[in-house]
Amino acid sequence: MTTFISPGSIIPGLALDLSLIKVDPPKPLDKVILPLDKNGKFIEVKVDKNVFYYKAFWKEKEILISRFDLDINRSLRTLANKTVQLISEPSQNASILTIIPQNTLLEVIQNTNPLTENVGYVKVKYNDSEGWVKRSSLSDDEYDIRYDKKNLQELVLPYAFFVKDDNLATEFKIIGKGFVVTECKVGELDCSATYRMGESSFGIPEEAVYFDLTVSDGKQYVCEMRRIDFVGELQRVIDEYITENELDPFINCHLREGEKEEEESSEEGS
């Protein structure tokens, strides 16, 4: 089966002897072909305790790669009821197997092009049928289609979020309209915050918001929240796991770089 390496992957490609591929290693968007065993299953190799990699052919070399680095680790949703056809093969001349309803979550089994290119076809399973759908008929992520292609400001506008970073004992409330921060605390100390938009520093590249925190003792922190962190919580509201008053998305906070260096210097000097 054909798939591709996802952007934002760790990509620890391994040779068959389990050594890291250090020269010209696999890269995001590289094409890989996964062989199947006689039962139609991917061939897995144990590389560590409870860790298994798939055998794969990449640039005509046989390697081992984690499924979490591949597009087939993704799920996407159908966008529009009338145009989402499950077809027999990845071709314009293929026969139609069935129509898939809008907003249906589907796991990626195989894809003809990298998912980020939004072209070609994706193989999926719907009910008891396997077939292909046009990539352009699917969302960009697994979340409800009402969030598809909306920017971060649009997504958060009607909501308030209570966020917490346990490692730094940081917590505050974010008013979606304007990303206003209130009730800001780092430990027992009050803090103030300003925000700026940017791109995520980890995971799949995506829109992110950064909050620059200034604490009453003068220390400064940076907290990052990605689009996926907000949307994941909004999906939990739709699925009725939480209410709108319990929105608590993941947040990643750390000391500003300059302050980290000063702290490390003082620790070395003591």
C-alpha atoms as a PDB file:
ATOM      1  CA  MET A   1       0.000   0.000   0.000  1.00  0.00           C
ATOM      2  CA  THR A   2       1.186   3.503  -0.810  1.00  0.00           C
ATOM      3  CA  THR A   3       1.291   6.372   1.665  1.00  0.00           C
ATOM      4  CA  PHE A   4       3.509   9.332   2.594  1.00  0.00           C
ATOM      5  CA  ILE A   5       5.461  10.668   5.564  1.00  0.00           C
ATOM      6  CA  SER A   6       3.451  13.345   7.373  1.00  0.00           C
ATOM      7  CA  PRO A   7       4.745  16.885   7.976  1.00  0.00           C
ATOM      8  CA  GLY A   8       5.697  17.501  11.603  1.00  0.00           C
ATOM      9  CA  SER A   9       6.767  13.881  12.093  1.00  0.00           C
ATOM     10  CA  ILE A  10       9.742  12.866  14.212  1.00  0.00           C
ATOM     11  CA  ILE A  11      10.762  10.484  11.397  1.00  0.00           C
ATOM     12  CA  PRO A  12      13.246   8.236  13.201  1.00  0.00           C
ATOM     13  CA  GLY A  13      13.685   6.020  10.147  1.00  0.00           C
ATOM     14  CA  LEU A  14      15.532   2.797  10.972  1.00  0.00           C
ATOM     15  CA  ALA A  15      17.614   0.447   8.861  1.00  0.00           C
ATOM     16  CA  LEU A  16      16.708  -3.236   9.110  1.00  0.00           C
ATOM     17  CA  ASP A  17      19.430  -3.699  11.769  1.00  0.00           C
ATOM     18  CA  LEU A  18      17.515  -1.087  13.878  1.00  0.00           C
ATOM     19  CA  SER A  19      20.243   1.569  13.457  1.00  0.00           C
ATOM     20  CA  LEU A  20      19.157   5.149  12.711  1.00  0.00           C
ATOM     21  CA  ILE A  21      19.420   6.274   9.089  1.00  0.00           C
ATOM     22  CA  LYS A  22      21.843   9.167   9.578  1.00  0.00           C
ATOM     23  CA  VAL A  23      22.760   9.853   5.939  1.00  0.00           C
ATOM     24  CA  ASP A  24      19.921  11.254   3.796  1.00  0.00           C
ATOM     25  CA  PRO A  25      17.189  10.080   6.231  1.00  0.00           C
ATOM     26  CA  PRO A  26      13.464   9.998   5.374  1.00  0.00           C
ATOM     27  CA  LYS A  27      11.823  13.419   5.112  1.00  0.00           C
ATOM     28  CA  PRO A  28       8.246  14.749   5.322  1.00  0.00           C
ATOM     29  CA  LEU A  29       6.184  14.099   2.160  1.00  0.00           C
ATOM     30  CA  ASP A  30       8.471  11.234   1.060  1.00  0.00           C
ATOM     31  CA  LYS A  31       6.578   8.370  -0.548  1.00  0.00           C
ATOM     32  CA  VAL A  32       6.656   4.951   1.153  1.00  0.00           C
ATOM     33  CA  ILE A  33       5.210   1.591   0.121  1.00  0.00           C
ATOM     34  CA  LEU A  34       4.079  -0.773   2.867  1.00  0.00           C
ATOM     35  CA  PRO A  35       4.176  -4.505   2.029  1.00  0.00           C
ATOM     36  CA  LEU A  36       1.431  -6.744   3.413  1.00  0.00           C
ATOM     37  CA  ASP A  37       1.666 -10.239   4.859  1.00  0.00           C
ATOM     38  CA  LYS A  38      -0.419 -13.166   3.568  1.00  0.00           C
ATOM     39  CA  ASN A  39      -3.332 -12.028   5.759  1.00  0.00           C
ATOM     40  CA  GLY A  40      -3.297  -8.530   4.272  1.00  0.00           C
ATOM     41  CA  LYS A  41      -1.760  -6.963   7.403  1.00  0.00           C
ATOM     42  CA  PHE A  42       1.166  -4.558   7.593  1.00  0.00           C
ATOM     43  CA  ILE A  43       4.428  -6.298   8.520  1.00  0.00           C
ATOM     44  CA  GLU A  44       5.543  -5.138  11.965  1.00  0.00           C
ATOM     45  CA  VAL A  45       8.968  -5.447  13.613  1.00  0.00           C
ATOM     46  CA  LYS A  46       9.566  -5.000  17.349  1.00  0.00           C
ATOM     47  CA  VAL A  47      12.226  -2.312  17.879  1.00  0.00           C
ATOM     48  CA  ASP A  48      11.861  -1.819  21.642  1.00  0.00           C
ATOM     49  CA  LYS A  49       9.610  -2.883  24.513  1.00  0.00           C
ATOM     50  CA  ASN A  50       6.019  -2.522  23.252  1.00  0.00           C
ATOM     51  CA  VAL A  51       7.278  -0.504  20.252  1.00  0.00           C
ATOM     52  CA  PHE A  52       6.690  -1.809  16.734  1.00  0.00           C
ATOM     53  CA  TYR A  53       7.652  -0.277  13.376  1.00  0.00           C
ATOM     54  CA  TYR A  54       6.291  -1.105   9.939  1.00  0.00           C
ATOM     55  CA  LYS A  55       8.484  -2.551   7.224  1.00  0.00           C
ATOM     56  CA  ALA A  56       8.467  -0.151   4.277  1.00  0.00           C
ATOM     57  CA  PHE A  57      10.093   0.499   0.921  1.00  0.00           C
ATOM     58  CA  TRP A  58      11.426   4.061   0.682  1.00  0.00           C
ATOM     59  CA  LYS A  59      13.526   5.263  -2.260  1.00  0.00           C
ATOM     60  CA  GLU A  60      13.952   1.589  -3.254  1.00  0.00           C
ATOM     61  CA  LYS A  61      15.424   0.769   0.183  1.00  0.00           C
ATOM     62  CA  GLU A  62      13.744  -1.480   2.734  1.00  0.00           C
ATOM     63  CA  ILE A  63      13.501   0.346   6.071  1.00  0.00           C
ATOM     64  CA  LEU A  64      11.489   0.409   9.307  1.00  0.00           C
ATOM     65  CA  ILE A  65       9.261   3.377  10.161  1.00  0.00           C
ATOM     66  CA  SER A  66       6.718   4.240  12.842  1.00  0.00           C
ATOM     67  CA  ARG A  67       3.071   4.313  11.758  1.00  0.00           C
ATOM     68  CA  PHE A  68       2.766   7.602  13.680  1.00  0.00           C
ATOM     69  CA  ASP A  69       5.027   9.255  11.096  1.00  0.00           C
ATOM     70  CA  LEU A  70       2.745   8.264   8.211  1.00  0.00           C
ATOM     71  CA  ASP A  71      -0.391   9.746   6.641  1.00  0.00           C
ATOM     72  CA  ILE A  72      -2.214   6.479   7.362  1.00  0.00           C
ATOM     73  CA  ASN A  73      -2.162   7.494  11.038  1.00  0.00           C
ATOM     74  CA  ARG A  74      -4.636  10.260  10.161  1.00  0.00           C
ATOM     75  CA  SER A  75      -8.447  10.451  10.156  1.00  0.00           C
ATOM     76  CA  LEU A  76     -10.429  12.935   8.037  1.00  0.00           C
ATOM     77  CA  ARG A  77     -14.105  13.846   7.655  1.00  0.00           C
ATOM     78  CA  THR A  78     -16.326  14.071   4.601  1.00  0.00           C
ATOM     79  CA  LEU A  79     -17.388  17.597   3.701  1.00  0.00           C
ATOM     80  CA  ALA A  80     -20.508  17.571   1.522  1.00  0.00           C
ATOM     81  CA  ASN A  81     -23.183  14.882   1.242  1.00  0.00           C
ATOM     82  CA  LYS A  82     -23.952  15.128  -2.479  1.00  0.00           C
ATOM     83  CA  THR A  83     -20.360  15.050  -3.741  1.00  0.00           C
ATOM     84  CA  VAL A  84     -18.687  12.465  -1.478  1.00  0.00           C
ATOM     85  CA  GLN A  85     -18.744   9.279  -3.520  1.00  0.00           C
ATOM     86  CA  LEU A  86     -17.012   6.068  -2.484  1.00  0.00           C
ATOM     87  CA  ILE A  87     -15.595   4.713  -5.746  1.00  0.00           C
ATOM     88  CA  SER A  88     -13.995   1.413  -6.750  1.00  0.00           C
ATOM     89  CA  GLU A  89     -10.551   2.737  -7.744  1.00  0.00           C
ATOM     90  CA  PRO A  90      -8.573   6.004  -7.786  1.00  0.00           C
ATOM     91  CA  SER A  91      -9.765   7.084 -11.210  1.00  0.00           C
ATOM     92  CA  GLN A  92     -12.331   9.448 -12.738  1.00  0.00           C
ATOM     93  CA  ASN A  93     -13.798   6.475 -14.624  1.00  0.00           C
ATOM     94  CA  ALA A  94     -14.306   4.311 -11.509  1.00  0.00           C
ATOM     95  CA  SER A  95     -17.715   2.946 -10.601  1.00  0.00           C
ATOM     96  CA  ILE A  96     -19.602   4.420  -7.637  1.00  0.00           C
ATOM     97  CA  LEU A  97     -19.941   2.046  -4.677  1.00  0.00           C
ATOM     98  CA  THR A  98     -22.041   4.280  -2.427  1.00  0.00           C
ATOM     99  CA  ILE A  99     -22.526   7.831  -1.166  1.00  0.00           C
ATOM    100  CA  ILE A 100     -20.936   8.727   2.181  1.00  0.00           C
ATOM    101  CA  PRO A 101     -22.900  11.188   4.378  1.00  0.00           C
ATOM    102  CA  GLN A 102     -21.383  14.550   5.273  1.00  0.00           C
ATOM    103  CA  ASN A 103     -19.306  14.901   8.434  1.00  0.00           C
ATOM    104  CA  THR A 104     -18.449  11.180   8.543  1.00  0.00           C
ATOM    105  CA  LEU A 105     -15.113  10.354  10.190  1.00  0.00           C
ATOM    106  CA  LEU A 106     -12.932   8.054   8.054  1.00  0.00           C
ATOM    107  CA  GLU A 107      -9.530   6.497   8.679  1.00  0.00           C
ATOM    108  CA  VAL A 108      -6.919   6.846   5.938  1.00  0.00           C
ATOM    109  CA  ILE A 109      -5.950   3.392   4.611  1.00  0.00           C
ATOM    110  CA  GLN A 110      -3.891   4.538   1.640  1.00  0.00           C
ATOM    111  CA  ASN A 111      -3.338   7.731  -0.362  1.00  0.00           C
ATOM    112  CA  THR A 112      -2.098   8.572  -3.841  1.00  0.00           C
ATOM    113  CA  ASN A 113      -0.631  11.979  -2.859  1.00  0.00           C
ATOM    114  CA  PRO A 114       0.530  13.591   0.401  1.00  0.00           C
ATOM    115  CA  LEU A 115      -2.596  14.595   2.340  1.00  0.00           C
ATOM    116  CA  THR A 116      -1.370  18.176   2.714  1.00  0.00           C
ATOM    117  CA  GLU A 117      -1.479  18.645  -1.082  1.00  0.00           C
ATOM    118  CA  ASN A 118      -5.289  18.180  -1.098  1.00  0.00           C
ATOM    119  CA  VAL A 119      -5.218  16.399  -4.482  1.00  0.00           C
ATOM    120  CA  GLY A 120      -5.554  12.815  -5.681  1.00  0.00           C
ATOM    121  CA  TYR A 121      -7.462  10.058  -3.892  1.00  0.00           C
ATOM    122  CA  VAL A 122      -7.652   8.518  -0.421  1.00  0.00           C
ATOM    123  CA  LYS A 123      -8.610   4.909   0.290  1.00  0.00           C
ATOM    124  CA  VAL A 124     -11.037   4.513   3.214  1.00  0.00           C
ATOM    125  CA  LYS A 125     -13.478   2.044   4.717  1.00  0.00           C
ATOM    126  CA  TYR A 126     -17.139   3.003   5.099  1.00  0.00           C
ATOM    127  CA  ASN A 127     -19.491   0.481   6.729  1.00  0.00           C
ATOM    128  CA  ASP A 128     -18.547  -2.820   5.068  1.00  0.00           C
ATOM    129  CA  SER A 129     -17.091  -1.296   1.889  1.00  0.00           C
ATOM    130  CA  GLU A 130     -13.550  -0.219   1.075  1.00  0.00           C
ATOM    131  CA  GLY A 131     -13.012   2.247  -1.716  1.00  0.00           C
ATOM    132  CA  TRP A 132     -11.587   5.597  -2.733  1.00  0.00           C
ATOM    133  CA  VAL A 133     -12.734   9.191  -2.293  1.00  0.00           C
ATOM    134  CA  LYS A 134     -11.361  12.399  -3.761  1.00  0.00           C
ATOM    135  CA  ARG A 135      -9.000  14.051  -1.308  1.00  0.00           C
ATOM    136  CA  SER A 136     -10.696  17.404  -1.977  1.00  0.00           C
ATOM    137  CA  SER A 137     -13.942  15.919  -0.571  1.00  0.00           C
ATOM    138  CA  LEU A 138     -12.345  15.486   2.856  1.00  0.00           C
ATOM    139  CA  SER A 139     -11.507  17.874   5.672  1.00  0.00           C
ATOM    140  CA  ASP A 140      -7.950  18.674   6.781  1.00  0.00           C
ATOM    141  CA  ASP A 141      -8.294  16.990  10.163  1.00  0.00           C
ATOM    142  CA  GLU A 142     -10.495  14.639  12.171  1.00  0.00           C
ATOM    143  CA  TYR A 143     -12.648  17.305  13.809  1.00  0.00           C
ATOM    144  CA  ASP A 144     -16.217  18.366  12.997  1.00  0.00           C
ATOM    145  CA  ILE A 145     -16.472  20.022   9.572  1.00  0.00           C
ATOM    146  CA  ARG A 146     -17.875  23.221  11.085  1.00  0.00           C
ATOM    147  CA  TYR A 147     -14.264  23.922  12.126  1.00  0.00           C
ATOM    148  CA  ASP A 148     -12.645  23.050   8.789  1.00  0.00           C
ATOM    149  CA  LYS A 149     -10.497  25.837   7.310  1.00  0.00           C
ATOM    150  CA  LYS A 150     -11.575  28.358   9.969  1.00  0.00           C
ATOM    151  CA  ASN A 151      -8.719  30.387  11.364  1.00  0.00           C
ATOM    152  CA  LEU A 152      -7.945  30.454  15.060  1.00  0.00           C
ATOM    153  CA  GLN A 153      -9.558  33.844  15.718  1.00  0.00           C
ATOM    154  CA  GLU A 154     -12.839  32.669  14.178  1.00  0.00           C
ATOM    155  CA  LEU A 155     -12.787  29.399  16.120  1.00  0.00           C
ATOM    156  CA  VAL A 156     -12.322  30.865  19.585  1.00  0.00           C
ATOM    157  CA  LEU A 157     -14.500  33.968  19.199  1.00  0.00           C
ATOM    158  CA  PRO A 158     -17.621  32.800  21.142  1.00  0.00           C
ATOM    159  CA  TYR A 159     -15.808  30.930  23.927  1.00  0.00           C
ATOM    160  CA  ALA A 160     -13.792  31.296  27.119  1.00  0.00           C
ATOM    161  CA  PHE A 161     -10.995  28.844  27.970  1.00  0.00           C
ATOM    162  CA  PHE A 162      -9.464  27.980  31.342  1.00  0.00           C
ATOM    163  CA  VAL A 163      -5.918  26.755  30.743  1.00  0.00           C
ATOM    164  CA  LYS A 164      -3.379  25.178  33.046  1.00  0.00           C
ATOM    165  CA  ASP A 165       0.263  24.118  32.749  1.00  0.00           C
ATOM    166  CA  ASP A 166       0.996  21.889  35.749  1.00  0.00           C
ATOM    167  CA  ASN A 167       4.770  21.829  35.176  1.00  0.00           C
ATOM    168  CA  LEU A 168       5.093  25.575  35.793  1.00  0.00           C
ATOM    169  CA  ALA A 169       1.945  25.923  37.952  1.00  0.00           C
ATOM    170  CA  THR A 170       0.639  28.399  35.372  1.00  0.00           C
ATOM    171  CA  GLU A 171      -3.075  29.029  34.881  1.00  0.00           C
ATOM    172  CA  PHE A 172      -5.256  31.714  33.347  1.00  0.00           C
ATOM    173  CA  LYS A 173      -8.526  32.383  31.565  1.00  0.00           C
ATOM    174  CA  ILE A 174      -8.660  33.333  27.875  1.00  0.00           C
ATOM    175  CA  ILE A 175     -11.596  35.293  26.477  1.00  0.00           C
ATOM    176  CA  GLY A 176     -11.850  34.162  22.856  1.00  0.00           C
ATOM    177  CA  LYS A 177     -12.794  37.581  21.520  1.00  0.00           C
ATOM    178  CA  GLY A 178      -9.409  39.292  21.265  1.00  0.00           C
ATOM    179  CA  PHE A 179      -7.502  36.632  23.224  1.00  0.00           C
ATOM    180  CA  VAL A 180      -7.872  38.676  26.411  1.00  0.00           C
ATOM    181  CA  VAL A 181      -6.173  37.000  29.398  1.00  0.00           C
ATOM    182  CA  THR A 182      -7.629  37.312  32.902  1.00  0.00           C
ATOM    183  CA  GLU A 183      -7.119  35.536  36.241  1.00  0.00           C
ATOM    184  CA  CYS A 184      -3.456  34.970  35.370  1.00  0.00           C
ATOM    185  CA  LYS A 185      -1.338  33.142  37.955  1.00  0.00           C
ATOM    186  CA  VAL A 186       2.096  31.507  38.052  1.00  0.00           C
ATOM    187  CA  GLY A 187       2.110  29.661  41.334  1.00  0.00           C
ATOM    188  CA  GLU A 188       0.839  32.157  43.899  1.00  0.00           C
ATOM    189  CA  LEU A 189       1.982  35.192  41.876  1.00  0.00           C
ATOM    190  CA  ASP A 190      -0.153  37.356  39.589  1.00  0.00           C
ATOM    191  CA  CYS A 191       0.797  37.797  35.956  1.00  0.00           C
ATOM    192  CA  SER A 192      -0.217  39.816  32.912  1.00  0.00           C
ATOM    193  CA  ALA A 193      -0.206  38.651  29.302  1.00  0.00           C
ATOM    194  CA  THR A 194      -0.111  39.815  25.703  1.00  0.00           C
ATOM    195  CA  TYR A 195      -0.656  37.568  22.696  1.00  0.00           C
ATOM    196  CA  ARG A 196       0.846  37.174  19.219  1.00  0.00           C
ATOM    197  CA  MET A 197      -0.037  34.857  16.349  1.00  0.00           C
ATOM    198  CA  GLY A 198       2.472  32.458  14.829  1.00  0.00           C
ATOM    199  CA  GLU A 199       3.095  28.886  13.706  1.00  0.00           C
ATOM    200  CA  SER A 200       3.322  25.864  15.981  1.00  0.00           C
ATOM    201  CA  SER A 201       6.796  24.947  17.230  1.00  0.00           C
ATOM    202  CA  PHE A 202       6.028  21.202  17.420  1.00  0.00           C
ATOM    203  CA  GLY A 203       3.752  18.639  15.792  1.00  0.00           C
ATOM    204  CA  ILE A 204       2.179  19.198  12.375  1.00  0.00           C
ATOM    205  CA  PRO A 205       2.824  22.801  11.224  1.00  0.00           C
ATOM    206  CA  GLU A 206      -0.298  24.835  11.969  1.00  0.00           C
ATOM    207  CA  GLU A 207      -1.566  28.145  13.278  1.00  0.00           C
ATOM    208  CA  ALA A 208      -0.755  28.861  16.932  1.00  0.00           C
ATOM    209  CA  VAL A 209      -1.156  31.666  19.451  1.00  0.00           C
ATOM    210  CA  TYR A 210       1.643  32.629  21.844  1.00  0.00           C
ATOM    211  CA  PHE A 211       1.003  34.333  25.175  1.00  0.00           C
ATOM    212  CA  ASP A 212       3.885  36.346  26.647  1.00  0.00           C
ATOM    213  CA  LEU A 213       3.454  36.322  30.417  1.00  0.00           C
ATOM    214  CA  THR A 214       5.051  38.803  32.813  1.00  0.00           C
ATOM    215  CA  VAL A 215       4.939  37.718  36.464  1.00  0.00           C
ATOM    216  CA  SER A 216       4.874  40.112  39.416  1.00  0.00           C
ATOM    217  CA  ASP A 217       8.386  38.945  40.423  1.00  0.00           C
ATOM    218  CA  GLY A 218       9.720  40.057  37.028  1.00  0.00           C
ATOM    219  CA  LYS A 219      10.073  36.626  35.422  1.00  0.00           C
ATOM    220  CA  GLN A 220       8.736  36.147  31.907  1.00  0.00           C
ATOM    221  CA  TYR A 221       7.190  33.054  30.354  1.00  0.00           C
ATOM    222  CA  VAL A 222       5.957  32.070  26.895  1.00  0.00           C
ATOM    223  CA  CYS A 223       2.882  29.837  26.525  1.00  0.00           C
ATOM    224  CA  GLU A 224       1.971  28.225  23.198  1.00  0.00           C
ATOM    225  CA  MET A 225      -1.442  26.953  22.144  1.00  0.00           C
ATOM    226  CA  ARG A 226      -1.967  25.376  18.721  1.00  0.00           C
ATOM    227  CA  ARG A 227      -5.110  25.332  16.638  1.00  0.00           C
ATOM    228  CA  ILE A 228      -5.471  21.599  17.330  1.00  0.00           C
ATOM    229  CA  ASP A 229      -5.446  22.271  21.090  1.00  0.00           C
ATOM    230  CA  PHE A 230      -8.478  24.569  20.806  1.00  0.00           C
ATOM    231  CA  VAL A 231     -10.349  22.453  18.250  1.00  0.00           C
ATOM    232  CA  GLY A 232      -9.794  19.261  20.236  1.00  0.00           C
ATOM    233  CA  GLU A 233     -11.606  20.811  23.195  1.00  0.00           C
ATOM    234  CA  LEU A 234     -14.448  22.155  21.034  1.00  0.00           C
ATOM    235  CA  GLN A 235     -14.911  18.642  19.626  1.00  0.00           C
ATOM    236  CA  ARG A 236     -15.298  17.336  23.191  1.00  0.00           C
ATOM    237  CA  VAL A 237     -18.194  19.786  23.631  1.00  0.00           C
ATOM    238  CA  ILE A 238     -19.878  18.438  20.475  1.00  0.00           C
ATOM    239  CA  ASP A 239     -19.361  14.872  21.724  1.00  0.00           C
ATOM    240  CA  GLU A 240     -20.884  15.941  25.072  1.00  0.00           C
ATOM    241  CA  TYR A 241     -17.860  14.913  27.133  1.00  0.00           C
ATOM    242  CA  ILE A 242     -17.677  18.426  28.596  1.00  0.00           C
ATOM    243  CA  THR A 243     -19.713  21.649  28.558  1.00  0.00           C
ATOM    244  CA  GLU A 244     -18.682  25.038  27.176  1.00  0.00           C
ATOM    245  CA  ASN A 245     -17.861  26.065  30.756  1.00  0.00           C
ATOM    246  CA  GLU A 246     -15.221  23.316  31.028  1.00  0.00           C
ATOM    247  CA  LEU A 247     -12.999  24.142  28.049  1.00  0.00           C
ATOM    248  CA  ASP A 248      -9.440  23.364  29.173  1.00  0.00           C
ATOM    249  CA  PRO A 249      -7.161  22.961  26.118  1.00  0.00           C
ATOM    250  CA  PHE A 250      -3.541  21.798  26.275  1.00  0.00           C
ATOM    251  CA  ILE A 251      -0.978  24.566  26.738  1.00  0.00           C
ATOM    252  CA  ASN A 252       2.825  24.458  26.625  1.00  0.00           C
ATOM    253  CA  CYS A 253       4.620  27.055  28.807  1.00  0.00           C
ATOM    254  CA  HIS A 254       8.307  27.728  29.427  1.00  0.00           C
ATOM    255  CA  LEU A 255      10.650  30.445  30.647  1.00  0.00           C
ATOM    256  CA  ARG A 256      11.756  32.944  28.013  1.00  0.00           C
ATOM    257  CA  GLU A 257      15.049  31.930  26.366  1.00  0.00           C
ATOM    258  CA  GLY A 258      17.052  34.756  27.954  1.00  0.00           C
ATOM    259  CA  GLU A 259      15.735  33.898  31.391  1.00  0.00           C
ATOM    260  CA  LYS A 260      16.556  30.208  30.880  1.00  0.00           C
ATOM    261  CA  GLU A 261      20.181  31.094  30.138  1.00  0.00           C
ATOM    262  CA  GLU A 262      20.420  33.330  33.215  1.00  0.00           C
ATOM    263  CA  GLU A 263      18.912  30.632  35.406  1.00  0.00           C
ATOM    264  CA  GLU A 264      21.315  28.000  34.069  1.00  0.00           C
ATOM    265  CA  SER A 265      24.300  30.351  34.577  1.00  0.00           C
ATOM    266  CA  SER A 266      23.341  31.059  38.170  1.00  0.00           C
ATOM    267  CA  GLU A 267      22.938  27.322  38.841  1.00  0.00           C
ATOM    268  CA  GLU A 268      26.411  26.620  37.409  1.00  0.00           C
ATOM    269  CA  GLY A 269      27.943  29.424  39.482  1.00  0.00           C
ATOM    270  CA  SER A 270      26.408  28.283  42.761  1.00  0.00           C
END
